[in-house]
Structures are given as structure tokens and as C-alpha cells.
Protein backbone atom coordinates (compact mmCIF):
# COMPACT_ATOMS: atom_id res chain seq x y z
CA MET A 1 -113.33 24.85 212.52
CA VAL A 2 -111.76 21.51 211.99
CA PRO A 3 -113.02 19.15 214.79
CA SER A 4 -110.39 18.86 217.52
CA LEU A 5 -110.75 15.02 217.46
CA ARG A 6 -109.23 15.07 214.03
CA VAL A 7 -106.15 17.17 214.86
CA ARG A 8 -103.16 15.52 216.47
CA ALA A 9 -100.09 17.41 217.68
CA ILE A 10 -97.06 15.43 216.61
CA ASN A 11 -94.54 17.52 218.67
CA ASP A 12 -94.43 20.00 221.46
CA ALA A 13 -92.82 22.77 219.46
CA PRO A 14 -94.56 26.16 219.42
CA ILE A 15 -96.18 28.13 216.63
CA HIS A 16 -93.86 30.94 215.48
CA PRO A 17 -95.92 33.90 214.52
CA GLY A 18 -92.86 35.85 213.39
CA ARG A 19 -92.06 33.50 210.52
CA GLU A 20 -93.08 34.03 207.00
CA MET A 21 -95.72 31.46 206.00
CA VAL A 22 -97.83 28.46 206.93
CA LEU A 23 -96.76 25.12 205.47
CA TYR A 24 -99.22 22.36 204.44
CA TRP A 25 -97.27 19.13 203.70
CA MET A 26 -99.67 17.24 201.48
CA ILE A 27 -98.90 13.46 201.76
CA ALA A 28 -102.18 11.56 201.71
CA ALA A 29 -105.21 13.88 201.04
CA ARG A 30 -103.93 14.89 197.72
CA ARG A 31 -106.79 17.20 196.79
CA THR A 32 -108.02 20.73 197.21
CA ARG A 33 -111.62 20.04 198.00
CA SER A 34 -113.31 18.63 201.12
CA SER A 35 -109.95 18.34 202.96
CA TYR A 36 -109.74 18.77 206.67
CA ALA A 37 -105.98 19.16 206.55
CA LEU A 38 -106.00 21.88 203.87
CA GLU A 39 -108.70 23.58 205.87
CA GLN A 40 -106.69 23.54 209.02
CA ALA A 41 -103.62 24.90 207.23
CA ALA A 42 -105.67 27.72 205.60
CA SER A 43 -107.19 28.60 208.90
CA HIS A 44 -103.72 28.99 210.47
CA ALA A 45 -102.67 31.14 207.54
CA ARG A 46 -105.71 33.45 207.91
CA SER A 47 -105.45 33.78 211.70
CA LEU A 48 -101.65 34.57 211.52
CA GLY A 49 -101.98 36.75 208.40
CA LYS A 50 -99.43 34.54 206.59
CA PRO A 51 -99.42 33.12 203.02
CA LEU A 52 -99.97 29.40 202.60
CA VAL A 53 -97.53 27.07 201.00
CA VAL A 54 -98.64 23.65 199.81
CA LEU A 55 -95.78 21.19 199.41
CA GLU A 56 -96.73 17.94 197.55
CA ALA A 57 -93.67 15.78 197.22
CA LEU A 58 -93.13 12.33 195.73
CA ARG A 59 -90.29 10.16 196.95
CA LEU A 60 -88.37 7.48 195.14
CA ASP A 61 -86.78 5.75 198.11
CA HIS A 62 -89.65 3.55 199.25
CA ARG A 63 -90.50 -0.09 198.57
CA TRP A 64 -92.67 -0.72 195.51
CA ALA A 65 -92.08 2.78 194.01
CA SER A 66 -92.98 2.31 190.33
CA ALA A 67 -94.01 4.11 187.19
CA ARG A 68 -97.59 3.03 187.89
CA PHE A 69 -97.93 4.73 191.18
CA HIS A 70 -95.89 7.79 190.18
CA GLN A 71 -98.06 8.38 187.10
CA PHE A 72 -101.23 8.12 189.15
CA VAL A 73 -99.92 10.71 191.68
CA VAL A 74 -98.56 12.98 188.94
CA ASP A 75 -101.96 13.01 187.30
CA GLY A 76 -103.30 14.29 190.63
CA MET A 77 -100.52 16.85 190.93
CA ARG A 78 -101.62 18.34 187.58
CA ASP A 79 -105.17 18.81 188.99
CA THR A 80 -103.87 20.37 192.12
CA GLN A 81 -101.64 22.65 190.12
CA LYS A 82 -104.62 23.86 188.12
CA ALA A 83 -106.86 24.22 191.18
CA LEU A 84 -104.30 26.39 193.07
CA SER A 85 -102.94 28.41 190.15
CA GLY A 86 -103.50 32.13 190.48
CA ARG A 87 -105.07 31.93 193.98
CA PRO A 88 -103.90 34.87 196.05
CA GLY A 89 -101.75 34.09 199.05
CA ILE A 90 -101.05 30.52 198.03
CA THR A 91 -97.86 28.88 196.65
CA TYR A 92 -97.97 25.33 195.32
CA LEU A 93 -94.68 23.45 195.36
CA PRO A 94 -94.86 20.07 193.64
CA TYR A 95 -91.65 18.21 194.01
CA LEU A 96 -90.47 14.98 192.26
CA GLU A 97 -87.27 13.47 193.40
CA PRO A 98 -84.90 13.11 190.47
CA GLU A 99 -82.98 10.36 192.34
CA PRO A 100 -83.47 8.57 195.70
CA GLY A 101 -82.74 10.75 198.66
CA ALA A 102 -82.59 13.98 196.68
CA GLY A 103 -85.51 15.44 198.52
CA ARG A 104 -83.92 14.93 201.94
CA GLY A 105 -83.92 18.15 203.91
CA LEU A 106 -86.57 19.92 201.86
CA LEU A 107 -89.28 19.73 204.57
CA ALA A 108 -86.95 20.94 207.27
CA ALA A 109 -85.72 23.81 205.04
CA LEU A 110 -89.24 24.96 204.32
CA ALA A 111 -90.36 24.46 208.00
CA ALA A 112 -87.59 26.82 209.11
CA HIS A 113 -89.65 29.58 207.37
CA ALA A 114 -93.00 28.31 208.66
CA ALA A 115 -95.09 29.63 211.55
CA ALA A 116 -96.84 26.23 211.70
CA VAL A 117 -96.80 23.01 209.74
CA VAL A 118 -99.83 20.86 208.93
CA THR A 119 -99.87 17.42 207.31
CA ASP A 120 -102.31 14.47 206.71
CA ASP A 121 -102.75 11.82 209.39
CA PHE A 122 -102.55 8.46 207.63
CA PRO A 123 -102.02 5.24 209.64
CA CYS A 124 -100.45 2.90 207.08
CA PHE A 125 -97.19 2.02 205.10
CA PHE A 126 -94.19 4.30 205.88
CA LEU A 127 -96.23 7.46 206.47
CA PRO A 128 -96.69 7.17 210.31
CA ALA A 129 -92.91 6.69 210.87
CA MET A 130 -92.18 9.52 208.45
CA ILE A 131 -94.58 11.86 210.18
CA ASP A 132 -93.18 11.00 213.70
CA ALA A 133 -89.53 11.49 212.47
CA ALA A 134 -90.48 14.92 211.03
CA GLY A 135 -92.02 15.92 214.32
CA GLY A 136 -88.89 15.09 216.19
CA ARG A 137 -86.71 17.07 213.83
CA LEU A 138 -88.83 20.26 213.38
CA ASP A 139 -88.60 23.25 215.75
CA VAL A 140 -92.10 24.38 214.79
CA ARG A 141 -95.57 22.90 215.64
CA LEU A 142 -96.48 19.96 213.41
CA GLU A 143 -100.13 18.89 213.30
CA ALA A 144 -101.48 15.81 211.58
CA VAL A 145 -105.15 16.02 210.50
CA ASP A 146 -107.42 12.96 210.07
CA GLY A 147 -109.59 13.11 206.96
CA ASN A 148 -109.59 9.37 206.31
CA GLY A 149 -113.24 8.51 207.09
CA LEU A 150 -116.66 9.72 208.18
CA LEU A 151 -115.74 8.60 211.67
CA PRO A 152 -112.51 10.17 213.17
CA MET A 153 -110.03 7.51 213.89
CA ARG A 154 -109.76 8.66 217.52
CA ALA A 155 -113.57 8.56 218.07
CA VAL A 156 -113.30 4.98 219.26
CA SER A 157 -110.49 3.60 221.44
CA GLN A 158 -110.77 -0.18 220.86
CA VAL A 159 -109.86 -2.50 217.96
CA PHE A 160 -112.94 -4.28 216.69
CA PRO A 161 -112.70 -8.04 215.92
CA THR A 162 -115.56 -8.22 213.42
CA ALA A 163 -117.44 -5.96 211.05
CA HIS A 164 -120.64 -6.53 213.10
CA ALA A 165 -119.05 -5.20 216.29
CA PHE A 166 -117.57 -2.23 214.48
CA ARG A 167 -120.88 -1.56 212.71
CA ARG A 168 -122.73 -1.39 216.07
CA ALA A 169 -120.16 1.16 217.32
CA LEU A 170 -120.41 3.14 214.07
CA GLN A 171 -124.13 3.35 214.37
CA LYS A 172 -123.85 4.73 217.93
CA ALA A 173 -120.99 7.25 217.22
CA LEU A 174 -121.43 8.27 213.63
CA PRO A 175 -124.62 10.44 213.87
CA ALA A 176 -122.78 13.09 215.98
CA HIS A 177 -119.87 13.15 213.56
CA LEU A 178 -122.03 13.35 210.45
CA LYS A 179 -123.06 16.85 211.56
CA GLU A 180 -119.38 17.90 211.02
CA ARG A 181 -118.32 18.44 207.47
CA PRO A 182 -115.05 19.55 205.83
CA ALA A 183 -115.46 22.72 203.81
CA GLY A 184 -116.34 21.89 200.27
CA ASN A 185 -113.75 24.47 199.12
CA PRO A 186 -111.59 25.35 202.05
CA LEU A 187 -109.91 28.14 199.91
CA ASP A 188 -113.10 29.99 199.11
CA GLU A 189 -112.30 32.57 201.80
CA PRO A 190 -109.17 34.43 200.56
CA ILE A 191 -105.93 34.33 202.36
CA PRO A 192 -104.97 38.02 202.89
CA ALA A 193 -101.24 37.84 202.17
CA ASP A 194 -98.81 38.00 199.29
CA ALA A 195 -97.68 34.65 197.96
CA TRP A 196 -94.47 33.31 199.40
CA THR A 197 -91.48 32.71 197.15
CA MET A 198 -88.88 30.06 197.94
CA PRO A 199 -85.40 31.50 198.51
CA ARG A 200 -83.14 31.13 195.43
CA ARG A 201 -80.63 28.87 197.14
CA MET A 202 -83.41 26.39 198.16
CA ALA A 203 -85.08 26.57 194.73
CA GLU A 204 -81.79 25.67 193.09
CA ARG A 205 -81.27 22.67 195.33
CA TRP A 206 -84.91 21.48 195.20
CA PRO A 207 -86.32 22.70 191.90
CA ASP A 208 -90.15 22.35 191.81
CA ALA A 209 -91.87 20.24 189.15
CA GLN A 210 -94.16 23.06 187.82
CA GLY A 211 -92.58 23.04 184.38
CA TRP A 212 -92.24 19.20 184.42
CA LEU A 213 -95.99 19.04 185.00
CA GLU A 214 -96.98 21.66 182.46
CA HIS A 215 -94.90 20.08 179.63
CA GLY A 216 -96.09 16.54 180.33
CA HIS A 217 -92.70 14.85 180.68
CA ARG A 218 -92.68 11.05 180.92
CA LEU A 219 -91.51 9.09 183.88
CA ASP A 220 -89.07 6.87 181.92
CA GLU A 221 -86.16 8.97 183.01
CA LEU A 222 -86.73 8.41 186.71
CA PRO A 223 -85.01 5.54 188.54
CA LEU A 224 -88.29 3.67 189.30
CA ASP A 225 -89.43 0.14 188.79
CA GLN A 226 -90.39 0.62 185.10
CA SER A 227 -91.64 -2.99 184.79
CA VAL A 228 -94.83 -1.97 186.62
CA ARG A 229 -96.17 0.16 183.86
CA PRO A 230 -98.82 2.91 184.39
CA ALA A 231 -102.35 1.58 184.30
CA ALA A 232 -105.01 2.95 182.00
CA LEU A 233 -106.92 4.44 184.91
CA ARG A 234 -106.07 8.15 185.19
CA GLY A 235 -105.41 9.60 188.60
CA GLY A 236 -106.46 12.95 190.05
CA ALA A 237 -109.50 14.67 191.48
CA GLN A 238 -111.09 15.31 188.10
CA ALA A 239 -111.04 11.61 187.13
CA ALA A 240 -112.19 10.64 190.63
CA HIS A 241 -115.25 12.83 190.47
CA ALA A 242 -116.09 11.61 186.91
CA ARG A 243 -115.84 8.02 188.20
CA LEU A 244 -118.07 8.82 191.24
CA ASP A 245 -120.73 10.40 188.89
CA ALA A 246 -120.62 7.36 186.57
CA PHE A 247 -121.11 4.98 189.53
CA VAL A 248 -123.94 6.89 191.11
CA GLU A 249 -125.86 7.63 187.93
CA HIS A 250 -125.24 4.35 185.99
CA ASP A 251 -123.99 1.51 188.18
CA LEU A 252 -125.48 1.95 191.62
CA ALA A 253 -128.90 0.65 190.69
CA ALA A 254 -127.40 -2.71 189.74
CA TYR A 255 -124.95 -2.74 192.70
CA GLY A 256 -127.16 -4.55 195.04
CA ASN A 257 -127.72 -7.57 192.77
CA ASP A 258 -124.62 -7.61 190.60
CA ARG A 259 -121.67 -6.29 192.61
CA ASN A 260 -120.26 -9.81 192.94
CA VAL A 261 -120.56 -10.60 189.21
CA PRO A 262 -117.26 -10.05 187.42
CA ASP A 263 -118.89 -10.02 183.94
CA ARG A 264 -121.00 -7.01 184.97
CA ASP A 265 -118.40 -5.12 187.05
CA VAL A 266 -120.78 -2.47 188.59
CA THR A 267 -118.41 -1.91 191.56
CA SER A 268 -117.62 1.70 192.38
CA ARG A 269 -113.92 1.49 191.40
CA LEU A 270 -113.18 4.42 193.77
CA SER A 271 -110.68 2.60 195.88
CA ALA A 272 -107.53 3.88 194.26
CA TYR A 273 -108.85 7.54 194.30
CA LEU A 274 -109.69 7.16 198.01
CA HIS A 275 -106.29 5.69 198.75
CA TRP A 276 -104.40 8.46 197.11
CA GLY A 277 -106.72 11.11 198.52
CA HIS A 278 -107.90 12.37 195.19
CA ILE A 279 -111.40 12.24 196.49
CA GLY A 280 -112.54 12.45 200.11
CA PRO A 281 -114.99 10.13 201.97
CA HIS A 282 -117.43 12.99 202.66
CA GLU A 283 -117.55 13.83 198.96
CA VAL A 284 -118.52 10.26 198.10
CA PHE A 285 -121.11 10.11 200.86
CA ASP A 286 -122.70 13.50 200.00
CA ARG A 287 -122.92 12.66 196.31
CA LEU A 288 -124.60 9.28 196.95
CA MET A 289 -127.04 10.61 199.51
CA ALA A 290 -127.99 13.54 197.37
CA ARG A 291 -128.86 11.04 194.66
CA GLU A 292 -130.88 9.05 197.16
CA GLY A 293 -132.72 12.14 198.37
CA TRP A 294 -131.68 11.39 202.00
CA LEU A 295 -132.94 13.87 204.53
CA GLY A 296 -130.54 12.90 207.34
CA HIS A 297 -132.88 10.80 209.39
CA LEU A 298 -131.31 7.96 211.34
CA PRO A 299 -132.71 5.39 213.87
CA ALA A 300 -131.98 6.12 217.50
CA LYS A 301 -130.97 2.53 218.17
CA ALA A 302 -127.74 0.95 216.98
CA THR A 303 -128.59 -2.59 215.78
CA GLY A 304 -125.46 -3.52 213.88
CA SER A 305 -127.63 -4.46 210.92
CA ARG A 306 -126.17 -4.26 207.54
CA GLU A 307 -129.40 -3.06 205.90
CA GLY A 308 -132.13 -0.59 206.69
CA TRP A 309 -130.25 1.69 209.06
CA TRP A 310 -129.73 4.49 206.55
CA GLY A 311 -133.22 4.34 205.17
CA VAL A 312 -132.11 4.49 201.49
CA SER A 313 -132.36 2.01 198.63
CA ALA A 314 -131.02 -1.51 199.14
CA ALA A 315 -128.27 -0.89 196.59
CA ALA A 316 -127.19 2.28 198.41
CA GLU A 317 -127.40 0.47 201.79
CA GLY A 318 -125.12 -2.27 200.45
CA PHE A 319 -122.58 0.22 199.11
CA LEU A 320 -122.56 2.21 202.27
CA ASP A 321 -121.76 -0.88 204.36
CA GLU A 322 -118.72 -1.63 202.12
CA PHE A 323 -117.67 2.01 201.90
CA ILE A 324 -118.07 2.94 205.61
CA THR A 325 -118.13 -0.26 207.75
CA TRP A 326 -115.59 -2.40 205.84
CA ARG A 327 -113.34 0.45 204.71
CA GLU A 328 -113.09 2.23 208.08
CA LEU A 329 -112.70 -1.02 209.85
CA GLY A 330 -109.25 -1.22 208.30
CA TYR A 331 -108.41 2.26 209.49
CA ASN A 332 -109.48 1.24 212.97
CA MET A 333 -107.00 -1.56 213.07
CA ALA A 334 -104.05 0.23 211.40
CA SER A 335 -104.49 3.33 213.63
CA LYS A 336 -104.56 1.34 216.85
CA ARG A 337 -102.03 -1.58 216.29
CA ALA A 338 -98.62 -1.11 214.77
CA ASP A 339 -98.56 -4.83 213.89
CA TYR A 340 -101.56 -4.58 211.60
CA ALA A 341 -99.55 -6.18 208.73
CA ALA A 342 -97.92 -8.97 210.86
CA TYR A 343 -98.94 -12.53 210.73
CA ASP A 344 -99.23 -12.90 214.43
CA SER A 345 -101.87 -10.13 214.56
CA LEU A 346 -104.44 -12.67 213.33
CA PRO A 347 -107.11 -13.76 215.80
CA SER A 348 -106.07 -16.59 218.09
CA TRP A 349 -108.50 -19.13 216.59
CA ALA A 350 -107.11 -18.42 213.04
CA LEU A 351 -103.47 -18.76 214.17
CA LYS A 352 -104.25 -21.99 215.91
CA THR A 353 -105.96 -23.65 213.05
CA LEU A 354 -103.55 -22.43 210.39
CA GLU A 355 -100.52 -23.56 212.40
CA ARG A 356 -102.14 -26.96 212.97
CA HIS A 357 -102.39 -27.39 209.19
CA ALA A 358 -99.18 -25.51 208.18
CA GLU A 359 -97.39 -28.73 207.13
CA ASP A 360 -100.35 -30.32 205.37
CA PRO A 361 -99.54 -31.64 201.88
CA ARG A 362 -100.47 -29.25 199.05
CA GLU A 363 -101.54 -30.53 195.73
CA HIS A 364 -99.92 -27.46 194.06
CA VAL A 365 -97.16 -25.26 195.43
CA TYR A 366 -96.10 -22.21 193.36
CA THR A 367 -93.20 -19.74 193.68
CA LEU A 368 -93.76 -16.03 193.88
CA ASP A 369 -92.52 -15.78 190.31
CA ALA A 370 -95.14 -18.28 189.09
CA PHE A 371 -97.89 -16.38 190.84
CA GLU A 372 -96.65 -13.05 189.55
CA ARG A 373 -96.59 -14.31 185.94
CA ALA A 374 -100.04 -15.96 186.30
CA THR A 375 -98.81 -19.41 185.40
CA THR A 376 -100.91 -21.63 187.75
CA HIS A 377 -103.09 -24.43 186.59
CA ASP A 378 -106.24 -22.37 187.38
CA PRO A 379 -107.48 -20.18 184.42
CA LEU A 380 -109.81 -18.04 186.75
CA TRP A 381 -107.03 -17.34 189.22
CA ASN A 382 -104.68 -16.47 186.29
CA ALA A 383 -107.22 -14.11 184.95
CA ALA A 384 -107.53 -12.30 188.27
CA GLN A 385 -103.74 -11.98 188.50
CA THR A 386 -103.57 -10.79 184.92
CA GLN A 387 -106.10 -8.07 185.66
CA LEU A 388 -103.99 -6.98 188.70
CA VAL A 389 -100.81 -6.70 186.69
CA ARG A 390 -102.53 -5.02 183.74
CA GLU A 391 -104.95 -2.72 185.44
CA GLY A 392 -103.83 -2.31 189.08
CA ARG A 393 -107.00 -3.84 190.40
CA ILE A 394 -108.92 -7.15 190.80
CA HIS A 395 -112.73 -7.32 190.71
CA ASN A 396 -113.81 -7.22 194.32
CA TYR A 397 -115.28 -10.65 194.52
CA LEU A 398 -112.38 -12.38 192.70
CA ARG A 399 -109.96 -10.62 194.99
CA MET A 400 -111.16 -12.90 197.80
CA LEU A 401 -110.70 -16.01 195.66
CA TRP A 402 -107.27 -14.73 194.59
CA GLY A 403 -106.14 -14.64 198.18
CA LYS A 404 -107.77 -17.97 199.23
CA LYS A 405 -105.96 -19.85 196.44
CA ILE A 406 -102.63 -18.29 197.34
CA LEU A 407 -103.13 -19.66 200.85
CA GLN A 408 -103.92 -23.14 199.37
CA TRP A 409 -100.88 -23.11 196.90
CA THR A 410 -98.01 -21.90 199.09
CA ALA A 411 -95.77 -23.89 201.36
CA SER A 412 -97.08 -22.22 204.58
CA PRO A 413 -99.68 -19.58 205.67
CA ARG A 414 -96.80 -17.12 206.53
CA GLU A 415 -95.45 -17.53 203.03
CA ALA A 416 -98.99 -17.00 201.68
CA LEU A 417 -99.24 -13.71 203.58
CA ALA A 418 -95.89 -12.56 202.23
CA VAL A 419 -96.96 -13.39 198.61
CA MET A 420 -100.27 -11.62 198.91
CA ILE A 421 -98.68 -8.48 200.43
CA GLU A 422 -95.94 -8.47 197.74
CA LEU A 423 -98.26 -8.79 194.75
CA ASN A 424 -100.96 -6.49 196.07
CA ASN A 425 -98.56 -3.76 197.13
CA LYS A 426 -96.51 -4.04 193.93
CA TYR A 427 -99.33 -3.80 191.48
CA ALA A 428 -102.60 -2.62 193.00
CA LEU A 429 -103.34 1.09 192.76
CA ASP A 430 -105.09 0.82 196.24
CA GLY A 431 -102.36 -1.28 197.77
CA ARG A 432 -100.48 -0.20 200.94
CA ASN A 433 -103.85 0.97 202.33
CA PRO A 434 -105.54 -0.10 205.58
CA ASN A 435 -108.54 -1.43 203.56
CA SER A 436 -106.37 -3.55 201.31
CA TYR A 437 -104.67 -5.10 204.35
CA SER A 438 -108.07 -5.87 205.71
CA GLY A 439 -108.79 -7.79 202.53
CA ILE A 440 -105.56 -9.73 202.68
CA PHE A 441 -105.86 -10.62 206.31
CA TRP A 442 -109.62 -11.54 205.93
CA VAL A 443 -108.27 -14.40 203.66
CA LEU A 444 -106.49 -15.76 206.78
CA GLY A 445 -109.39 -15.24 209.18
CA ARG A 446 -109.27 -11.65 210.46
CA TYR A 447 -112.80 -10.31 210.89
CA ASP A 448 -114.26 -13.75 210.15
CA ARG A 449 -115.26 -16.73 212.31
CA PRO A 450 -114.39 -20.44 212.15
CA TRP A 451 -116.18 -22.38 209.36
CA GLY A 452 -116.65 -26.13 209.28
CA PRO A 453 -116.00 -28.67 208.05
CA GLU A 454 -112.25 -28.64 208.89
CA ARG A 455 -110.21 -28.97 205.74
CA PRO A 456 -106.60 -29.66 204.84
CA VAL A 457 -104.39 -26.45 204.75
CA PHE A 458 -107.31 -24.22 205.65
CA GLY A 459 -108.36 -25.83 208.94
CA VAL A 460 -111.52 -23.90 209.82
CA VAL A 461 -110.60 -20.73 207.93
CA ARG A 462 -113.23 -20.03 205.30
CA TYR A 463 -112.69 -22.01 202.09
CA MET A 464 -113.31 -20.92 198.49
CA THR A 465 -112.89 -22.62 195.16
CA SER A 466 -112.77 -21.43 191.51
CA GLU A 467 -115.35 -24.00 190.56
CA ASN A 468 -117.88 -22.81 193.09
CA THR A 469 -117.20 -19.20 192.18
CA ALA A 470 -117.82 -19.89 188.52
CA ARG A 471 -121.09 -21.62 189.37
CA LYS A 472 -122.28 -18.73 191.60
CA VAL A 473 -121.35 -15.77 189.36
CA SER A 474 -120.87 -15.17 185.66
CA VAL A 475 -117.16 -15.17 184.70
CA LYS A 476 -117.17 -16.14 181.04
CA ASP A 477 -116.53 -12.63 179.68
CA TYR A 478 -114.06 -12.02 182.47
CA LEU A 479 -112.12 -15.08 181.48
CA ARG A 480 -112.02 -14.00 177.82
CA ARG A 481 -110.91 -10.47 178.74
CA TYR A 482 -108.12 -11.48 180.99
CA ALA A 483 -106.90 -14.82 179.45
CA SER A 484 -103.19 -15.04 180.12
């Protein structure tokens, strides 16, 4: 059974046992393994004796829709299509909008045939509003299922101001939830029903993308932002698991010492796959801990310490703190505060010091266009921006520097926030995610503390320079690779 803490009823409508199928609206956990939402939908289908329909749709009418993000999701759709093909009692409906708004009404039309509807609970971007709007329109029960982290988002009620405070709460709460696992393959148990077929009139209005996926059509024909080209990184569950294996087997050992070294780049590079749901957090955790030979033992006392609590290697401890504490800290904020992306959500000390220095003279002030084209005076910053535009990612350590310099080189801290959000959400494969908003707002003081001495522009917000970064970590190869 899916833990009740992870299932949220979006409306008060009933389950309709007399209808034809159960609908799973796949919007965030875009995978067929280790998915609480798919497990919940399959459970409804079995208990009601109904077939399961999996709708995975991709809209055009949202900000930052581009060929890059569409390609990454379409890669995942192909993996899902293969995973569900031929399974008894299951119909997979991939849908790609041919033009903005063409998919409007599809969910409601399918839900009219559904005994129950299940979707993914995701606290960021336009998805919460979309889920709530759907709940208000449908006459059938709509459930949103949280598979975002090892800790259910509703397991704690407060918003934590620092990673240390959240880490202490995690260490208290997480042991009980680690005993709960999503089914590795939630469709192993057959669904005893004949597969459902979409009525002809609906199929003509909203033709599925099965043939489009099978024949490998390009995205050039769709009205997307074609200037943001697909990155070399392939999306989908298959690529996600290959990346996880490579990290655990080859990069993990060096992660503890070299994770901040751009020339080595031993980071996990799993963020995009986690954002799009092509791999689940429990899958990452289980693979890592199997490699470490972890037996499940944990200290009884929550100390809030970054190291030693798990009882595994130092490199694995360091990764787990990034993967669990820092990643799920963002989900904590986004799930509890609707203003998670607003400037005024910064801690009071940060707002005070930034406003005090908002009109300080800046040695350099760049426009959004200059930032986007990587034409600043700073070669290391330009290299980081070039990597973002080219690959859809920035090395983790340089991402911090990238944001700090935007704060220093814009006319105001509010403008700096707008520039960071625009560039990150337009180009980063893991943009529009709670964790990426955490990184952006950390630049401005969220989850941090005041740092002296007080400086122009920054006040007592933490300061970084390209010169110090280049002295601390090796960037020569990085600069050669991403020279503008």
C-alpha cells in the first residue's frame, strides 16, 4: 500500500465503480519503476477490476517551452512506451500538443470514463495550479501522490530556515519512512482486465503520439522555442540508470575530495533525471547503499551532523547530504510557501542588507542579453554560462559563482533574481525545480547566514570571486572546454 501521508485528495468527488477504467495522469514521475503514483493507480485498477490508462501529455503553452525540454521528455516517453507495451490491462497514451491549447479538454474527456484519477504531486512551476484546476473541474476523485523524496513532503509541517535545522528534523523523522518503499515494479502483479481503447471521436480529436515516437520524428515542426536546442544528454529512464551506475561505480570514490573541482567533474549529474521523474529518489538511494553495503543501521540520536550519521564512506555521506538534505530542503519550501520564488520570501536579514546596498555603484552592469550571450569581462563566468547554454547544466560549484556574479553585475538584487530565474529556467534541464530555486535563492541569502565584512552590493550576504575560485579549484581545462 502507498503510505497515506503521500496521497492527497484534490477534490471531494467520489470514485465511480461503474465507469470503464482508472486513469493515471503522469506529469512529474515520468517512469514506470519505483513510482508511488503508478503504484496507487494500479492498486485502484486491481481493486476495481478495471484496466489502467496512463496519460503522459506534453504541453506547448507554458513559459520556457523549448526543443531542449521537449526532446528530453520525448526520450523518456519512448522508454515508457517500451516498458508498457504489451502489458495486459494497460493502455499508454502519449500526447504531444501540435499547437498551443490543442490538448485542452483531453484530461476531462478521459476522466469522464474513469472510476478514479491519480496524478503526481509536485510543488513547483505551473503544476500545482494545474492540478488544483483539474480537481475543480472533474466529477471523479482526483488524488495527487508524492514521490518526490525519501521524506514525504507532509511529514513535517514547518518551513526550515537552514540546512542544519532541516537535517536535524530529517534525522528524527526519516528512519520511520525509510521502512516504506515504492514497489520496484508496480506492474509486476497483472491487472485482470482487457485494455481500454479510446473512443474514435476522442482519438480523432486528440491523436496519440505512438507513431510519432516509433518513427523518431523531429521537433522542428512544433511551435517551440527552437533557439534552445536539445542538449547532448539523453533523457529517459534507461539513460538515468546508466548515469547512476556510472556515478556509483566510477565517480563516487572521488566525490568527497573532488566534487567541487570543475576540471574533474565527478558530480552525479542526476539532477535533470530527478527533475523530470525519469528516476526516483528511492532508486538512487538503494543503488548507492547497495554499493556501500549498508545494513540499515542508524543512530538513535539526531545530531544534525553532515557526516557520520549514515555510517558509510565519507564520499557517500557527502553525496547523501546533497541528495537528501539539500535537495529535499527545496521541496520543503516549495510545498509549504506559494511565494517560494518571490524576492520577498528571503530571510529578513538578507532583505535588509540587500536593500541597504541596492543603490551601491556597480563596477560592471550587464543586460540580460549580455549575460545570456556570455559577453561579460570575466572568462570563468562566461565559461559557466556557455556550459549552461550548450549543455543545459553548470558544474555545481561554478553555479554558485555564476549566481553571485549576477548579483554583483545587475542594477539591483531584484533584477539579479529575475536574471537568474530567466537564464536558469530557460536553459537548465533541471530548471523550474524546487532544488534549483534553492540554489538561486541561496545566492541571495536563503539557507545561509550573515558573513562579514560588510561589502558594497552584497552587504553581509556571502561573497564569491572568480579569482578566489580559480585559486581554490582547478578550472584550466574547464576554461578551455567552454571558452566563448
